[in-house]
C-alpha cells in the first residue's frame, strides 16, 4: 500500500511538472522591433516535457538554491526630476498620469514596469535649482529650524502620486551633504563633517525620517552619506571617513529605535564597487550592529566586486542604488552593459535592488545645479520630458522594466521575487546572461511563479553586426522546455507547485 502511494505521488508530481507551460513573455529586441512588448508563444504555449537533446544553450534552473529577495528597480527622484514631472502634470495632466502608470503600476498583468524602489535625496544635489539643506541656520544644534518644506513642493507632490499608483513602493533617503554649518569649510560643497556634530547629524537624519512620515511617505531605508569618498566643491558632497559614518550610524540606530522607527533600515557606504573590500567591510567591523547592509554605485569597479563584501558579511543586505546614463551613448550597447552589470549582474552578486540616477531629465540632461562640474558628458534620465508636454523613455527604462517584471509580487500584498540558482551550458553558453527568480504566493495552494530574465548579446559586434538568435533548452525539475531567444532581453515565466 505504501509503495502504491509512493508511485501515485511520483506520477502526480510528474503530471504537474509536465503540465507546466511558458505562456507569458516580455521582450525588448536590439533592433527595437519589440520594446518591452508582451507576447504569448504561438501557435501554442511552450510545455515542459521529457528531456531530449539540449539546445545551443542550456539554461538549468536550480530552485533548491534560494538567495536574496529582490525588492525592485527604479531611480532617484531628484529635485530636477520632480520639477520636470510636476511641470508635465500642469501642462498635460493626461500625459503625466499615463507616464506615471507606465513607470510605477506594479499590478500583476499591467502593461507597465512596476518600478518600486525610489531613492530620494535629503536636500540639494547636483540636480537642484540651488544649494540648501533642511536647516541652514548656523549653530542651530537643537535643529529648531529644521524644515522639510525647504525642499521643493514638487518632490512631495510626485512622491504622493507614486504612492497613489504603487502602494508597495519603497523609499530610500540619503543626503548628498550635511548642512554646511556642520562642516569644516562651512559649505555643503565639499569638505567634511566636524566630528563634534556627529549627534547633531544623527538627529538631523531622524528628523528627516519623521518629516517624510508626517508627509505620508513611509521610509524603507536611510543612508548616512551619498558617496562618502567624493569631495567635489562644485555641488553638495562630503568626504566622510569610515569612523565618522560608523559613529553616526550607531547614534541614528538608537534614535530610530527609540522613536518608533525600528523597522527603518540603515544602509551604509553608497559608493562605487571598486572599494567593496575596504570601506563597507570596515564599516561593518566598526558598527555592524547599526547597519543592515551597504549599497553600491557603478562608476568604478564591477559588480563582481560585491563578492568582496558579501563573502565576509553574507548575512548583511546589499543594494545597488546609482548609475547614470550618458547622453549620446549607443542604445543597444547600453542595454547590454546594464543587464550584464546591474539588472542581472549586480542582482546575481546579491543586490536586492537595481537603480539608475535621475528618474527624469530633459533632452539636454537638464536642469543641473548652476556651476556644477558633474555629468561632464551630460546625464540622461530614465525618462526624457520635453518642454512641449511630451515624454519618451530611454534605454535605462527598457533594461529595468525587463528585470522588474520578473520579481514583482504575483498577488496583491504577496511576496517579492527571490533569486534562485541558474547556470548556462551548451555551445553558445557565452551568448546568454541569465537571472532566475521564484515568486511565492499568498495562498499556499497556488503555484509559485518562476521567471527568467535572459540577455542574448550574441550580436557579433566585432564583425560589423551579425545578430544570432539562440535556440535554448530550459531545464526545470527534470523536465525541459525549448525557446529561441532573439538578440535582446527576454523575460518569461511559468508556474509550478511549491
Protein backbone atom coordinates (compact mmCIF):
# COMPACT_ATOMS: atom_id res chain seq x y z
CA UNK A 1 0.00 0.00 0.00
CA UNK A 2 2.81 2.41 0.95
CA UNK A 3 4.64 1.61 -2.29
CA UNK A 4 1.40 2.28 -4.25
CA UNK A 5 1.07 5.68 -2.58
CA UNK A 6 4.68 6.48 -3.42
CA UNK A 7 4.13 5.56 -7.06
CA UNK A 8 0.90 7.57 -7.19
CA UNK A 9 2.66 10.56 -5.64
CA UNK A 10 5.51 10.33 -8.15
CA UNK A 11 3.07 10.15 -11.05
CA UNK A 12 1.12 13.13 -9.73
CA UNK A 13 4.31 15.17 -9.45
CA UNK A 14 5.35 14.16 -12.96
CA UNK A 15 1.96 15.20 -14.33
CA UNK A 16 2.17 18.53 -12.51
CA UNK A 17 5.63 19.25 -13.90
CA UNK A 18 4.64 18.10 -17.36
CA UNK A 19 1.65 20.44 -17.35
CA UNK A 20 3.79 23.49 -16.63
CA UNK A 21 3.78 25.94 -19.52
CA UNK A 22 5.53 29.14 -20.53
CA UNK A 23 2.74 31.45 -21.58
CA UNK A 24 3.88 34.98 -20.69
CA UNK A 25 6.80 36.73 -22.34
CA UNK A 26 8.06 40.33 -22.24
CA UNK A 27 10.66 41.30 -24.80
CA UNK A 28 12.95 44.13 -25.91
CA UNK A 29 14.99 43.40 -29.03
CA UNK A 30 18.20 45.02 -30.20
CA UNK A 31 16.69 46.43 -33.40
CA UNK A 32 13.70 47.87 -31.43
CA UNK A 33 11.04 45.75 -33.14
CA UNK A 34 9.99 44.81 -29.61
CA UNK A 35 10.13 47.46 -26.90
CA UNK A 36 9.07 45.98 -23.57
CA UNK A 37 6.37 44.17 -25.54
CA UNK A 38 4.11 41.48 -24.11
CA UNK A 39 3.51 38.37 -26.20
CA UNK A 40 2.37 34.80 -25.85
CA UNK A 41 4.00 31.91 -27.69
CA UNK A 42 2.28 30.93 -30.93
CA UNK A 43 0.68 28.77 -32.10
CA UNK A 44 0.79 27.03 -28.71
CA UNK A 45 2.10 27.70 -25.23
CA UNK A 46 5.50 26.16 -24.50
CA UNK A 47 5.31 22.93 -22.50
CA UNK A 48 7.90 21.42 -20.20
CA UNK A 49 8.33 17.87 -21.49
CA UNK A 50 10.57 14.83 -21.06
CA UNK A 51 14.14 15.98 -21.73
CA UNK A 52 15.73 15.45 -25.10
CA UNK A 53 18.84 16.91 -26.73
CA UNK A 54 19.96 20.25 -25.35
CA UNK A 55 19.81 23.42 -27.40
CA UNK A 56 22.71 25.59 -28.47
CA UNK A 57 22.43 26.97 -24.95
CA UNK A 58 21.09 25.01 -21.99
CA UNK A 59 19.61 27.01 -19.10
CA UNK A 60 19.45 24.92 -15.94
CA UNK A 61 17.22 26.20 -13.12
CA UNK A 62 18.03 25.12 -9.55
CA UNK A 63 15.08 26.19 -7.42
CA UNK A 64 16.54 24.38 -4.40
CA UNK A 65 19.09 27.21 -4.15
CA UNK A 66 17.20 30.28 -2.92
CA UNK A 67 19.02 33.56 -2.30
CA UNK A 68 18.05 37.16 -1.54
CA UNK A 69 14.67 38.80 -2.05
CA UNK A 70 14.68 41.47 -4.75
CA UNK A 71 12.62 44.49 -3.74
CA UNK A 72 12.56 46.31 -7.01
CA UNK A 73 14.06 48.63 -9.57
CA UNK A 74 13.80 52.36 -10.04
CA UNK A 75 15.74 55.62 -9.85
CA UNK A 76 16.29 58.77 -7.79
CA UNK A 77 13.61 61.42 -7.59
CA UNK A 78 15.94 64.42 -7.67
CA UNK A 79 14.63 67.98 -7.41
CA UNK A 80 15.15 68.30 -11.16
CA UNK A 81 13.19 65.12 -11.88
CA UNK A 82 10.36 66.25 -9.62
CA UNK A 83 10.26 69.69 -11.23
CA UNK A 84 10.02 68.28 -14.75
CA UNK A 85 7.38 65.74 -13.77
CA UNK A 86 5.26 68.31 -11.98
CA UNK A 87 5.58 70.70 -14.93
CA UNK A 88 4.31 67.92 -17.17
CA UNK A 89 1.40 67.36 -14.78
CA UNK A 90 0.42 71.03 -15.02
CA UNK A 91 0.92 71.22 -18.77
CA UNK A 92 -0.62 67.89 -19.79
CA UNK A 93 -2.25 66.02 -16.93
CA UNK A 94 -3.41 63.06 -19.00
CA UNK A 95 0.06 62.51 -20.40
CA UNK A 96 1.58 62.78 -16.90
CA UNK A 97 -0.68 60.11 -15.44
CA UNK A 98 -0.09 57.87 -18.45
CA UNK A 99 3.65 58.13 -17.82
CA UNK A 100 3.35 57.57 -14.09
CA UNK A 101 1.25 54.46 -14.61
CA UNK A 102 3.72 53.12 -17.18
CA UNK A 103 6.56 53.64 -14.71
CA UNK A 104 5.06 52.59 -11.39
CA UNK A 105 1.99 50.39 -11.75
CA UNK A 106 3.05 47.11 -10.12
CA UNK A 107 -0.28 45.30 -10.60
CA UNK A 108 0.19 41.81 -11.99
CA UNK A 109 -0.56 41.80 -15.71
CA UNK A 110 -0.36 45.57 -16.14
CA UNK A 111 1.39 46.99 -19.20
CA UNK A 112 3.91 48.81 -17.02
CA UNK A 113 7.36 48.49 -15.47
CA UNK A 114 6.23 48.49 -11.86
CA UNK A 115 9.24 50.43 -10.58
CA UNK A 116 9.10 50.01 -6.83
CA UNK A 117 12.35 51.27 -5.28
CA UNK A 118 12.77 55.05 -5.21
CA UNK A 119 15.77 56.91 -3.84
CA UNK A 120 15.17 60.44 -2.59
CA UNK A 121 17.92 62.95 -1.77
CA UNK A 122 17.73 64.84 1.53
CA UNK A 123 18.43 68.42 0.48
CA UNK A 124 20.23 69.63 -2.62
CA UNK A 125 22.25 67.62 -5.12
CA UNK A 126 23.89 68.47 -8.43
CA UNK A 127 20.34 68.26 -9.82
CA UNK A 128 18.72 71.05 -7.78
CA UNK A 129 17.93 74.66 -8.60
CA UNK A 130 20.03 75.89 -5.65
CA UNK A 131 22.02 74.62 -2.69
CA UNK A 132 20.01 74.01 0.50
CA UNK A 133 19.56 71.67 3.45
CA UNK A 134 16.61 71.29 5.80
CA UNK A 135 18.28 73.57 8.36
CA UNK A 136 20.61 76.28 7.12
CA UNK A 137 20.63 78.34 10.34
CA UNK A 138 24.16 78.29 11.73
CA UNK A 139 24.80 76.86 15.19
CA UNK A 140 21.21 75.56 15.44
CA UNK A 141 22.45 72.37 17.11
CA UNK A 142 19.00 71.65 18.55
CA UNK A 143 17.64 71.82 14.97
CA UNK A 144 14.76 74.06 15.99
CA UNK A 145 14.71 75.48 12.46
CA UNK A 146 14.61 72.10 10.71
CA UNK A 147 12.03 72.39 7.93
CA UNK A 148 11.32 69.68 5.39
CA UNK A 149 9.43 72.25 3.34
CA UNK A 150 12.74 73.82 2.35
CA UNK A 151 12.64 71.10 -0.30
CA UNK A 152 10.65 71.95 -3.43
CA UNK A 153 6.98 71.05 -3.04
CA UNK A 154 7.24 69.21 -6.37
CA UNK A 155 9.15 66.43 -4.60
CA UNK A 156 6.35 65.52 -2.22
CA UNK A 157 3.65 66.00 -4.82
CA UNK A 158 5.31 63.43 -7.09
CA UNK A 159 6.00 61.05 -4.19
CA UNK A 160 2.32 61.12 -3.25
CA UNK A 161 1.39 60.42 -6.86
CA UNK A 162 3.76 57.45 -6.95
CA UNK A 163 2.15 56.06 -3.79
CA UNK A 164 -1.32 56.52 -5.28
CA UNK A 165 -0.29 54.15 -8.09
CA UNK A 166 2.07 51.79 -6.25
CA UNK A 167 1.34 51.32 -2.55
CA UNK A 168 4.17 48.81 -2.15
CA UNK A 169 6.89 51.20 -3.37
CA UNK A 170 9.93 51.51 -1.11
CA UNK A 171 11.64 54.83 -0.41
CA UNK A 172 15.32 55.14 0.43
CA UNK A 173 16.54 58.58 1.57
CA UNK A 174 20.10 59.88 1.67
CA UNK A 175 21.84 63.30 1.96
CA UNK A 176 24.46 64.50 -0.51
CA UNK A 177 25.85 66.68 2.28
CA UNK A 178 25.11 67.66 5.86
CA UNK A 179 24.09 71.30 6.38
CA UNK A 180 27.10 73.48 5.58
CA UNK A 181 27.47 74.87 9.09
CA UNK A 182 28.13 71.34 10.38
CA UNK A 183 31.17 71.01 8.11
CA UNK A 184 34.80 72.02 8.15
CA UNK A 185 34.51 74.56 5.33
CA UNK A 186 31.12 75.95 6.28
CA UNK A 187 29.63 74.92 2.93
CA UNK A 188 27.72 71.97 1.54
CA UNK A 189 30.11 71.93 -1.43
CA UNK A 190 32.93 69.58 -0.47
CA UNK A 191 34.71 69.32 2.86
CA UNK A 192 33.91 67.01 5.75
CA UNK A 193 31.71 66.88 8.84
CA UNK A 194 33.10 68.39 12.05
CA UNK A 195 33.06 65.34 14.32
CA UNK A 196 31.74 67.42 17.22
CA UNK A 197 28.43 67.38 15.31
CA UNK A 198 28.04 63.61 14.97
CA UNK A 199 24.99 63.54 17.27
CA UNK A 200 23.53 66.61 15.59
CA UNK A 201 23.80 64.89 12.21
CA UNK A 202 22.19 61.74 13.58
CA UNK A 203 19.31 63.85 14.91
CA UNK A 204 19.05 65.62 11.53
CA UNK A 205 18.59 62.24 9.86
CA UNK A 206 15.99 61.15 12.41
CA UNK A 207 14.05 64.36 11.80
CA UNK A 208 14.17 63.63 8.08
CA UNK A 209 12.60 60.20 8.61
CA UNK A 210 9.94 61.74 10.86
CA UNK A 211 9.20 64.53 8.39
CA UNK A 212 8.77 62.18 5.44
CA UNK A 213 6.49 60.03 7.57
CA UNK A 214 4.43 63.10 8.50
CA UNK A 215 4.11 63.79 4.76
CA UNK A 216 2.64 60.31 4.28
CA UNK A 217 5.81 58.86 2.73
CA UNK A 218 6.97 55.82 4.74
CA UNK A 219 10.73 55.34 4.72
CA UNK A 220 12.14 51.89 4.00
CA UNK A 221 15.81 52.76 4.34
CA UNK A 222 18.14 55.65 5.07
CA UNK A 223 21.81 56.11 4.27
CA UNK A 224 24.20 58.37 6.16
CA UNK A 225 26.03 59.96 3.22
CA UNK A 226 25.98 59.65 -0.56
CA UNK A 227 29.41 58.79 -1.96
CA UNK A 228 31.43 59.40 1.22
CA UNK A 229 34.73 59.16 -0.67
CA UNK A 230 33.83 62.04 -3.00
CA UNK A 231 34.50 65.68 -2.16
CA UNK A 232 33.65 68.00 -5.06
CA UNK A 233 33.49 71.74 -4.42
CA UNK A 234 31.03 72.46 -7.26
CA UNK A 235 27.99 70.74 -5.74
CA UNK A 236 26.84 69.21 -2.42
CA UNK A 237 29.28 66.47 -1.41
CA UNK A 238 31.02 65.38 1.78
CA UNK A 239 34.13 63.38 2.49
CA UNK A 240 33.18 61.09 5.37
CA UNK A 241 35.72 58.65 6.85
CA UNK A 242 34.53 55.21 7.92
CA UNK A 243 34.82 56.08 11.62
CA UNK A 244 32.53 59.10 11.23
CA UNK A 245 29.86 57.22 9.29
CA UNK A 246 30.06 54.40 11.82
CA UNK A 247 29.50 56.75 14.77
CA UNK A 248 26.58 58.49 13.07
CA UNK A 249 25.07 55.10 12.24
CA UNK A 250 25.28 53.89 15.83
CA UNK A 251 23.69 57.09 17.15
CA UNK A 252 20.98 57.05 14.47
CA UNK A 253 20.08 53.40 15.12
CA UNK A 254 19.36 54.23 18.76
CA UNK A 255 17.33 57.32 17.81
CA UNK A 256 15.26 55.41 15.25
CA UNK A 257 14.59 52.57 17.69
CA UNK A 258 13.57 54.97 20.45
CA UNK A 259 11.21 56.97 18.24
CA UNK A 260 9.08 54.29 16.63
CA UNK A 261 11.21 53.65 13.55
CA UNK A 262 12.94 50.40 14.45
CA UNK A 263 11.87 48.95 11.10
CA UNK A 264 13.75 51.57 9.06
CA UNK A 265 16.94 50.07 7.66
CA UNK A 266 20.27 51.88 7.79
CA UNK A 267 22.29 51.23 4.64
CA UNK A 268 25.95 52.23 4.60
CA UNK A 269 28.61 53.19 2.06
CA UNK A 270 26.61 54.30 -1.06
CA UNK A 271 29.66 54.43 -3.30
CA UNK A 272 31.49 52.58 -6.06
CA UNK A 273 32.06 48.86 -6.48
CA UNK A 274 35.82 49.31 -6.59
CA UNK A 275 36.21 49.82 -2.81
CA UNK A 276 33.87 47.00 -1.77
CA UNK A 277 36.63 45.18 0.11
CA UNK A 278 37.56 48.22 2.20
CA UNK A 279 35.14 50.96 3.26
CA UNK A 280 32.00 48.79 3.61
CA UNK A 281 33.91 45.99 5.34
CA UNK A 282 35.48 48.41 7.80
CA UNK A 283 32.07 49.96 8.40
CA UNK A 284 30.66 46.58 9.43
CA UNK A 285 33.68 45.95 11.64
CA UNK A 286 33.14 49.22 13.46
CA UNK A 287 29.35 49.45 13.56
CA UNK A 288 27.82 46.25 12.20
CA UNK A 289 25.05 46.35 14.81
CA UNK A 290 23.75 49.63 13.37
CA UNK A 291 23.83 48.85 9.65
CA UNK A 292 21.53 46.43 7.86
CA UNK A 293 23.79 46.42 4.85
CA UNK A 294 25.52 48.54 2.21
CA UNK A 295 24.83 49.89 -1.25
CA UNK A 296 26.93 50.30 -4.38
CA UNK A 297 27.31 52.61 -7.39
CA UNK A 298 28.63 51.74 -10.85
CA UNK A 299 31.16 54.44 -11.69
CA UNK A 300 34.31 52.48 -10.85
CA UNK A 301 34.86 48.74 -10.49
CA UNK A 302 32.49 45.93 -11.46
CA UNK A 303 29.55 44.01 -9.99
CA UNK A 304 31.80 41.08 -9.08
CA UNK A 305 33.50 43.36 -6.53
CA UNK A 306 30.36 42.98 -4.39
CA UNK A 307 31.61 39.50 -3.54
CA UNK A 308 34.49 41.10 -1.63
CA UNK A 309 31.87 42.34 0.81
CA UNK A 310 29.29 39.53 0.76
CA UNK A 311 31.94 36.84 1.27
CA UNK A 312 32.80 38.45 4.61
CA UNK A 313 29.29 39.52 5.62
CA UNK A 314 26.89 37.06 3.99
CA UNK A 315 24.06 38.00 6.34
CA UNK A 316 24.17 41.71 5.55
CA UNK A 317 21.98 43.11 2.80
CA UNK A 318 23.29 44.60 -0.43
CA UNK A 319 21.61 47.21 -2.62
CA UNK A 320 22.57 48.77 -5.92
CA UNK A 321 21.45 52.40 -5.87
CA UNK A 322 23.04 54.52 -8.60
CA UNK A 323 24.28 54.54 -12.18
CA UNK A 324 23.72 57.26 -14.77
CA UNK A 325 23.19 57.05 -18.47
CA UNK A 326 25.25 59.41 -20.65
CA UNK A 327 23.83 61.49 -23.47
CA UNK A 328 24.76 60.28 -26.94
CA UNK A 329 25.72 56.73 -25.99
CA UNK A 330 24.59 53.70 -28.01
CA UNK A 331 21.13 52.35 -27.14
CA UNK A 332 21.84 48.63 -27.54
CA UNK A 333 25.36 48.70 -26.12
CA UNK A 334 23.97 50.44 -23.05
CA UNK A 335 21.28 47.81 -22.56
CA UNK A 336 23.84 45.01 -22.84
CA UNK A 337 26.03 46.65 -20.21
CA UNK A 338 23.13 47.46 -17.89
CA UNK A 339 21.81 43.91 -17.94
CA UNK A 340 25.18 42.21 -17.60
CA UNK A 341 26.47 44.59 -14.93
CA UNK A 342 23.43 45.68 -12.94
CA UNK A 343 19.97 44.31 -13.63
CA UNK A 344 21.17 40.72 -13.91
CA UNK A 345 24.80 41.11 -12.81
CA UNK A 346 24.56 43.06 -9.56
CA UNK A 347 21.49 41.05 -8.58
CA UNK A 348 23.46 37.83 -9.17
CA UNK A 349 26.05 39.13 -6.71
CA UNK A 350 23.46 39.65 -4.00
CA UNK A 351 21.77 43.02 -4.59
CA UNK A 352 18.16 43.47 -3.54
CA UNK A 353 17.61 46.49 -5.81
CA UNK A 354 18.77 47.97 -9.09
CA UNK A 355 18.53 51.75 -9.55
CA UNK A 356 19.53 54.38 -12.06
CA UNK A 357 20.30 58.03 -11.18
CA UNK A 358 17.79 60.67 -12.33
CA UNK A 359 14.27 59.43 -12.89
CA UNK A 360 13.61 62.22 -15.40
CA UNK A 361 15.60 64.93 -17.21
CA UNK A 362 15.13 66.90 -20.39
CA UNK A 363 16.87 66.06 -23.66
CA UNK A 364 19.95 68.08 -22.68
CA UNK A 365 20.41 66.45 -19.29
CA UNK A 366 19.00 69.49 -17.52
CA UNK A 367 18.19 71.11 -15.17
CA UNK A 368 21.58 70.98 -13.42
CA UNK A 369 22.70 72.93 -10.36
CA UNK A 370 24.31 76.14 -11.68
CA UNK A 371 28.10 75.88 -11.64
CA UNK A 372 28.39 72.13 -11.07
CA UNK A 373 31.02 70.16 -12.97
CA UNK A 374 29.19 66.85 -12.64
CA UNK A 375 27.89 64.90 -15.62
CA UNK A 376 30.59 66.13 -17.98
CA UNK A 377 29.16 64.19 -20.92
CA UNK A 378 25.58 65.04 -19.94
CA UNK A 379 23.48 62.75 -17.75
CA UNK A 380 20.46 61.03 -19.26
CA UNK A 381 17.33 60.35 -17.23
CA UNK A 382 15.31 57.16 -17.30
CA UNK A 383 12.61 59.36 -18.84
CA UNK A 384 13.03 62.37 -21.12
CA UNK A 385 10.45 65.09 -20.56
CA UNK A 386 10.11 67.73 -23.27
CA UNK A 387 9.01 71.33 -22.93
CA UNK A 388 6.04 70.74 -25.25
CA UNK A 389 4.34 68.37 -22.79
CA UNK A 390 5.53 65.11 -24.37
CA UNK A 391 7.77 62.40 -22.95
CA UNK A 392 9.74 59.36 -24.01
CA UNK A 393 11.54 56.58 -22.17
CA UNK A 394 15.20 55.80 -22.68
CA UNK A 395 17.24 52.59 -22.76
CA UNK A 396 17.51 52.65 -18.97
CA UNK A 397 13.74 52.17 -18.79
CA UNK A 398 13.68 49.13 -21.04
CA UNK A 399 16.55 47.41 -19.23
CA UNK A 400 14.99 47.94 -15.80
CA UNK A 401 11.45 47.15 -16.92
CA UNK A 402 12.52 43.74 -18.22
CA UNK A 403 14.16 42.95 -14.87
CA UNK A 404 11.31 44.37 -12.81
CA UNK A 405 8.68 42.14 -14.38
CA UNK A 406 10.45 39.03 -13.06
CA UNK A 407 10.28 39.93 -9.36
CA UNK A 408 7.04 41.86 -8.79
CA UNK A 409 4.51 40.23 -6.44
CA UNK A 410 2.10 37.90 -8.23
CA UNK A 411 -0.64 38.60 -5.68
CA UNK A 412 -1.84 41.78 -4.01
CA UNK A 413 0.46 42.28 -1.00
CA UNK A 414 2.15 38.99 -1.88
CA UNK A 415 5.84 38.05 -1.64
CA UNK A 416 8.50 39.61 -3.85
CA UNK A 417 10.69 37.54 -6.10
CA UNK A 418 13.71 35.72 -4.72
CA UNK A 419 16.80 34.93 -6.75
CA UNK A 420 17.32 31.22 -7.35
CA UNK A 421 20.12 29.16 -8.83
CA UNK A 422 20.75 29.12 -12.57
CA UNK A 423 23.57 28.08 -14.89
CA UNK A 424 24.06 28.09 -18.65
CA UNK A 425 25.75 25.39 -20.72
CA UNK A 426 25.90 24.41 -24.37
CA UNK A 427 27.98 25.57 -27.32
CA UNK A 428 26.51 29.08 -27.18
CA UNK A 429 26.57 29.46 -23.40
CA UNK A 430 28.59 32.67 -23.85
CA UNK A 431 25.69 34.33 -25.70
CA UNK A 432 23.21 34.28 -22.81
CA UNK A 433 23.34 36.04 -19.44
CA UNK A 434 20.55 34.75 -17.21
CA UNK A 435 18.94 35.61 -13.89
CA UNK A 436 16.30 33.32 -12.33
CA UNK A 437 13.66 34.07 -9.70
CA UNK A 438 10.91 32.46 -7.66
CA UNK A 439 7.86 34.45 -6.57
CA UNK A 440 5.78 32.91 -3.78
CA UNK A 441 2.03 33.18 -3.36
CA UNK A 442 -0.37 34.39 -0.68
CA UNK A 443 -2.23 31.08 -0.71
CA UNK A 444 -0.07 28.00 -0.23
CA UNK A 445 -2.32 26.09 -2.63
CA UNK A 446 -1.46 28.45 -5.51
CA UNK A 447 1.51 27.59 -7.67
CA UNK A 448 4.66 29.70 -7.41
CA UNK A 449 5.82 31.73 -10.37
CA UNK A 450 9.27 31.01 -11.79
CA UNK A 451 10.84 33.68 -14.00
CA UNK A 452 14.00 34.10 -16.00
CA UNK A 453 15.50 37.28 -17.43
CA UNK A 454 17.71 36.48 -20.40
CA UNK A 455 20.11 38.78 -22.21
CA UNK A 456 21.12 37.44 -25.62
CA UNK A 457 24.08 39.61 -26.57
CA UNK A 458 25.15 37.40 -29.46
CA UNK A 459 25.27 40.27 -31.93
CA UNK A 460 28.84 39.61 -33.18
CA UNK A 461 29.63 43.30 -32.88
CA UNK A 462 33.28 42.66 -33.77
CA UNK A 463 32.25 41.57 -37.27
CA UNK A 464 30.05 44.60 -38.01
CA UNK A 465 26.90 43.00 -36.72
CA UNK A 466 25.52 39.52 -37.22
CA UNK A 467 22.67 39.09 -34.71
CA UNK A 468 22.25 35.46 -33.77
CA UNK A 469 19.11 34.09 -32.15
CA UNK A 470 19.85 31.28 -29.73
CA UNK A 471 17.72 28.14 -29.54
CA UNK A 472 17.89 27.22 -25.88
CA UNK A 473 16.58 24.48 -23.66
CA UNK A 474 15.33 25.34 -20.19
CA UNK A 475 15.69 22.58 -17.60
CA UNK A 476 13.48 22.68 -14.52
CA UNK A 477 12.83 19.83 -12.06
CA UNK A 478 13.88 17.16 -14.52
CA UNK A 479 11.76 18.48 -17.39
CA UNK A 480 12.68 20.60 -20.40
CA UNK A 481 11.21 23.45 -22.42
CA UNK A 482 12.62 24.98 -25.60
CA UNK A 483 12.62 28.62 -26.66
CA UNK A 484 14.55 30.63 -29.22
CA UNK A 485 15.85 33.86 -27.73
CA UNK A 486 16.31 36.76 -30.15
CA UNK A 487 19.16 39.22 -29.66
CA UNK A 488 17.77 41.43 -26.92
CA UNK A 489 16.31 40.93 -23.46
CA UNK A 490 13.53 38.42 -22.79
CA UNK A 491 11.60 37.90 -19.55
CA UNK A 492 9.38 34.83 -19.34
CA UNK A 493 7.73 32.76 -16.65
CA UNK A 494 5.81 29.67 -15.77
CA UNK A 495 4.06 28.28 -12.68
CA UNK A 496 4.88 25.24 -10.56
CA UNK A 497 3.87 23.85 -7.17
CA UNK A 498 5.99 24.74 -4.17
